[in-house]
Amino acid sequence: MTIWEAIAALLGLANVWLVVRRSVWNYPFGLAMVALYFFVFWEAKLYSDALLQIFFFAIQLYGWWNWVRAPKVDDGIMVERMGNAARFNWLAVTVLASLAWGFGMHRLTDAAAPFVDATVAGFSVAAQLLQSLRRFESWALWIAVDVIAVGLYAWKGLFLTSGLYLIFLLMAVAGFVEWRRKLVA
């Protein structure tokens, strides 16, 4: 564990706690967290997760912009549900993209766990996009990501980050419950 991993973990806790509360103020914490985690994951040779942080930085900026403009409900932003066809399409594309990315990491790099790392990355991309769009289903993907990530990061010796993802798992369940209560459609 490094000081940067510890700081990134604390920023992550603040970020997700604010997302669960549907607060637009989650984004400054998220931007700082992903910037630090790029270096933490690169050092651990989890290249898919490191590159994912670049995407997260960009999508955090988009999400911040989108959430600021979103309709408000009580103390937070309004959330919506996807239809069954949209859910299936998102899941199919996410699984296929994750497999393709994992194959590329396996063939082209010395990645420590190319397919598991790519699954965490691919599902995280879809979850973050859906969360930026304020879709309730994002939490189901985050729950899957967190379950996988806890074991992956522990295996790589990133115990603080593994513990963080265990907390993220609990927070994702809380987010699922809270956002479900606030659904509009």
Protein backbone atom coordinates (compact mmCIF):
# COMPACT_ATOMS: atom_id res chain seq x y z
CA MET A 1 0.00 0.00 0.00
CA THR A 2 1.19 3.49 -0.83
CA ILE A 3 0.08 6.86 0.44
CA TRP A 4 -1.43 7.47 -3.03
CA GLU A 5 -3.55 4.34 -2.77
CA ALA A 6 -4.75 5.46 0.67
CA ILE A 7 -5.65 8.96 -0.54
CA ALA A 8 -7.38 7.55 -3.63
CA ALA A 9 -9.38 5.17 -1.43
CA LEU A 10 -10.58 7.98 0.83
CA LEU A 11 -11.56 10.08 -2.17
CA GLY A 12 -13.42 7.06 -3.54
CA LEU A 13 -15.42 6.65 -0.36
CA ALA A 14 -16.50 10.28 -0.48
CA ASN A 15 -17.30 9.99 -4.19
CA VAL A 16 -19.53 6.93 -3.94
CA TRP A 17 -21.24 8.11 -0.75
CA LEU A 18 -22.24 11.29 -2.59
CA VAL A 19 -23.40 9.30 -5.65
CA VAL A 20 -25.65 7.17 -3.46
CA ARG A 21 -27.15 10.42 -2.13
CA ARG A 22 -27.60 11.61 -5.76
CA SER A 23 -25.40 14.65 -5.07
CA VAL A 24 -23.67 16.41 -7.95
CA TRP A 25 -20.78 17.12 -5.55
CA ASN A 26 -19.56 13.55 -6.03
CA TYR A 27 -17.68 14.62 -9.15
CA PRO A 28 -14.74 16.62 -7.71
CA PHE A 29 -13.92 13.66 -5.46
CA GLY A 30 -14.29 11.24 -8.36
CA LEU A 31 -11.95 13.24 -10.60
CA ALA A 32 -9.21 13.30 -7.96
CA MET A 33 -9.70 9.61 -7.16
CA VAL A 34 -9.37 8.36 -10.74
CA ALA A 35 -6.32 10.53 -11.38
CA LEU A 36 -4.51 8.87 -8.47
CA TYR A 37 -5.76 5.35 -9.24
CA PHE A 38 -4.27 5.54 -12.74
CA PHE A 39 -0.81 5.41 -11.17
CA VAL A 40 -1.73 2.84 -8.50
CA PHE A 41 -3.08 0.39 -11.09
CA TRP A 42 -0.25 0.99 -13.58
CA GLU A 43 2.32 0.13 -10.91
CA ALA A 44 0.39 -3.11 -10.16
CA LYS A 45 0.37 -4.01 -13.90
CA LEU A 46 -3.41 -3.88 -14.00
CA TYR A 47 -3.28 -2.01 -17.30
CA SER A 48 -6.97 -2.28 -18.13
CA ASP A 49 -7.82 -0.69 -14.79
CA ALA A 50 -5.15 1.97 -15.29
CA LEU A 51 -6.44 2.89 -18.75
CA LEU A 52 -9.97 2.79 -17.38
CA GLN A 53 -9.08 5.72 -15.13
CA ILE A 54 -8.46 7.91 -18.20
CA PHE A 55 -11.94 7.06 -19.44
CA PHE A 56 -13.35 7.66 -15.95
CA PHE A 57 -11.78 11.11 -15.86
CA ALA A 58 -13.49 12.07 -19.13
CA ILE A 59 -16.85 10.52 -18.21
CA GLN A 60 -16.72 12.17 -14.78
CA LEU A 61 -16.56 15.54 -16.56
CA TYR A 62 -19.51 14.55 -18.75
CA GLY A 63 -21.46 13.21 -15.77
CA TRP A 64 -20.87 16.39 -13.81
CA TRP A 65 -22.19 18.44 -16.72
CA ASN A 66 -25.20 16.12 -17.15
CA TRP A 67 -26.08 15.98 -13.46
CA VAL A 68 -25.91 19.78 -13.08
CA ARG A 69 -28.53 20.06 -15.84
CA ALA A 70 -30.71 17.16 -14.57
CA PRO A 71 -34.13 17.68 -13.02
CA LYS A 72 -34.06 17.58 -9.23
CA VAL A 73 -36.16 15.41 -6.94
CA ASP A 74 -36.11 16.28 -3.24
CA ASP A 75 -32.40 16.65 -2.35
CA GLY A 76 -30.88 14.97 -5.41
CA ILE A 77 -31.02 14.42 -9.14
CA MET A 78 -33.86 12.54 -10.83
CA VAL A 79 -33.13 8.91 -11.81
CA GLU A 80 -34.78 6.73 -14.45
CA ARG A 81 -35.16 3.04 -15.36
CA MET A 82 -34.22 1.45 -18.70
CA GLY A 83 -36.52 -0.78 -20.74
CA ASN A 84 -35.85 -4.52 -21.13
CA ALA A 85 -34.48 -4.20 -24.69
CA ALA A 86 -32.05 -1.48 -23.61
CA ARG A 87 -30.89 -3.59 -20.64
CA PHE A 88 -30.23 -6.58 -22.88
CA ASN A 89 -28.35 -4.48 -25.44
CA TRP A 90 -26.17 -2.81 -22.82
CA LEU A 91 -25.33 -6.15 -21.23
CA ALA A 92 -24.56 -7.89 -24.53
CA VAL A 93 -22.28 -5.10 -25.75
CA THR A 94 -20.58 -4.90 -22.35
CA VAL A 95 -19.83 -8.64 -22.23
CA LEU A 96 -18.55 -8.73 -25.83
CA ALA A 97 -16.40 -5.63 -25.37
CA SER A 98 -14.96 -7.02 -22.12
CA LEU A 99 -14.03 -10.31 -23.81
CA ALA A 100 -12.43 -8.52 -26.76
CA TRP A 101 -10.46 -6.23 -24.46
CA GLY A 102 -9.33 -9.17 -22.33
CA PHE A 103 -8.15 -11.06 -25.40
CA GLY A 104 -6.17 -8.01 -26.52
CA MET A 105 -4.58 -7.58 -23.10
CA HIS A 106 -3.73 -11.30 -23.03
CA ARG A 107 -2.07 -11.24 -26.45
CA LEU A 108 -0.37 -7.85 -26.36
CA THR A 109 0.73 -7.19 -22.77
CA ASP A 110 2.10 -8.84 -19.65
CA ALA A 111 -1.14 -8.04 -17.80
CA ALA A 112 -1.44 -9.93 -14.53
CA ALA A 113 -5.07 -11.03 -15.02
CA PRO A 114 -6.14 -9.89 -18.49
CA PHE A 115 -9.67 -11.31 -18.65
CA VAL A 116 -10.68 -10.58 -15.06
CA ASP A 117 -9.16 -7.10 -15.27
CA ALA A 118 -10.94 -6.51 -18.59
CA THR A 119 -14.25 -7.61 -17.06
CA VAL A 120 -13.82 -5.12 -14.23
CA ALA A 121 -12.91 -2.45 -16.78
CA GLY A 122 -15.68 -3.23 -19.27
CA PHE A 123 -18.44 -3.46 -16.70
CA SER A 124 -17.12 -0.30 -15.01
CA VAL A 125 -17.30 1.59 -18.30
CA ALA A 126 -20.93 0.57 -18.81
CA ALA A 127 -21.82 1.27 -15.17
CA GLN A 128 -20.21 4.71 -15.23
CA LEU A 129 -21.91 5.63 -18.50
CA LEU A 130 -25.28 4.54 -17.16
CA GLN A 131 -24.66 6.38 -13.91
CA SER A 132 -23.78 9.55 -15.82
CA LEU A 133 -27.10 9.12 -17.63
CA ARG A 134 -28.78 8.69 -14.21
CA ARG A 135 -29.98 5.14 -14.91
CA PHE A 136 -30.95 2.96 -11.97
CA GLU A 137 -29.45 -0.16 -13.64
CA SER A 138 -25.95 1.24 -13.18
CA TRP A 139 -26.02 -0.09 -9.62
CA ALA A 140 -26.47 -3.72 -10.72
CA LEU A 141 -23.33 -3.41 -12.83
CA TRP A 142 -21.45 -1.72 -9.99
CA ILE A 143 -22.39 -4.59 -7.69
CA ALA A 144 -20.95 -7.10 -10.21
CA VAL A 145 -17.78 -5.00 -10.63
CA ASP A 146 -17.27 -4.73 -6.89
CA VAL A 147 -17.69 -8.47 -6.26
CA ILE A 148 -15.03 -9.28 -8.89
CA ALA A 149 -12.71 -6.41 -7.95
CA VAL A 150 -12.51 -7.37 -4.26
CA GLY A 151 -10.85 -10.67 -5.16
CA LEU A 152 -8.71 -9.31 -8.00
CA TYR A 153 -7.19 -6.51 -5.96
CA ALA A 154 -6.58 -8.74 -2.94
CA TRP A 155 -4.82 -11.23 -5.23
CA LYS A 156 -2.53 -8.41 -6.46
CA GLY A 157 -1.75 -7.29 -2.90
CA LEU A 158 -3.77 -4.09 -3.15
CA PHE A 159 -5.45 -4.83 0.16
CA LEU A 160 -6.59 -1.29 0.87
CA THR A 161 -8.16 -1.07 -2.57
CA SER A 162 -9.72 -4.52 -2.12
CA GLY A 163 -11.21 -3.34 1.17
CA LEU A 164 -12.38 -0.16 -0.54
CA TYR A 165 -14.21 -2.22 -3.15
CA LEU A 166 -15.82 -4.26 -0.38
CA ILE A 167 -17.13 -1.00 1.04
CA PHE A 168 -18.09 0.06 -2.50
CA LEU A 169 -20.08 -3.18 -2.74
CA LEU A 170 -22.05 -2.29 0.38
CA MET A 171 -22.52 1.25 -0.91
CA ALA A 172 -23.64 -0.07 -4.31
CA VAL A 173 -26.32 -2.13 -2.60
CA ALA A 174 -27.36 1.00 -0.69
CA GLY A 175 -27.35 2.97 -3.96
CA PHE A 176 -29.49 0.30 -5.62
CA VAL A 177 -32.04 0.54 -2.81
CA GLU A 178 -31.98 4.36 -2.61
CA TRP A 179 -32.22 4.95 -6.36
CA ARG A 180 -34.98 2.35 -6.65
CA ARG A 181 -37.01 4.36 -4.13
CA LYS A 182 -36.50 7.51 -6.21
CA LEU A 183 -37.33 6.08 -9.66
CA VAL A 184 -39.39 8.26 -11.97
CA ALA A 185 -40.13 5.79 -14.78
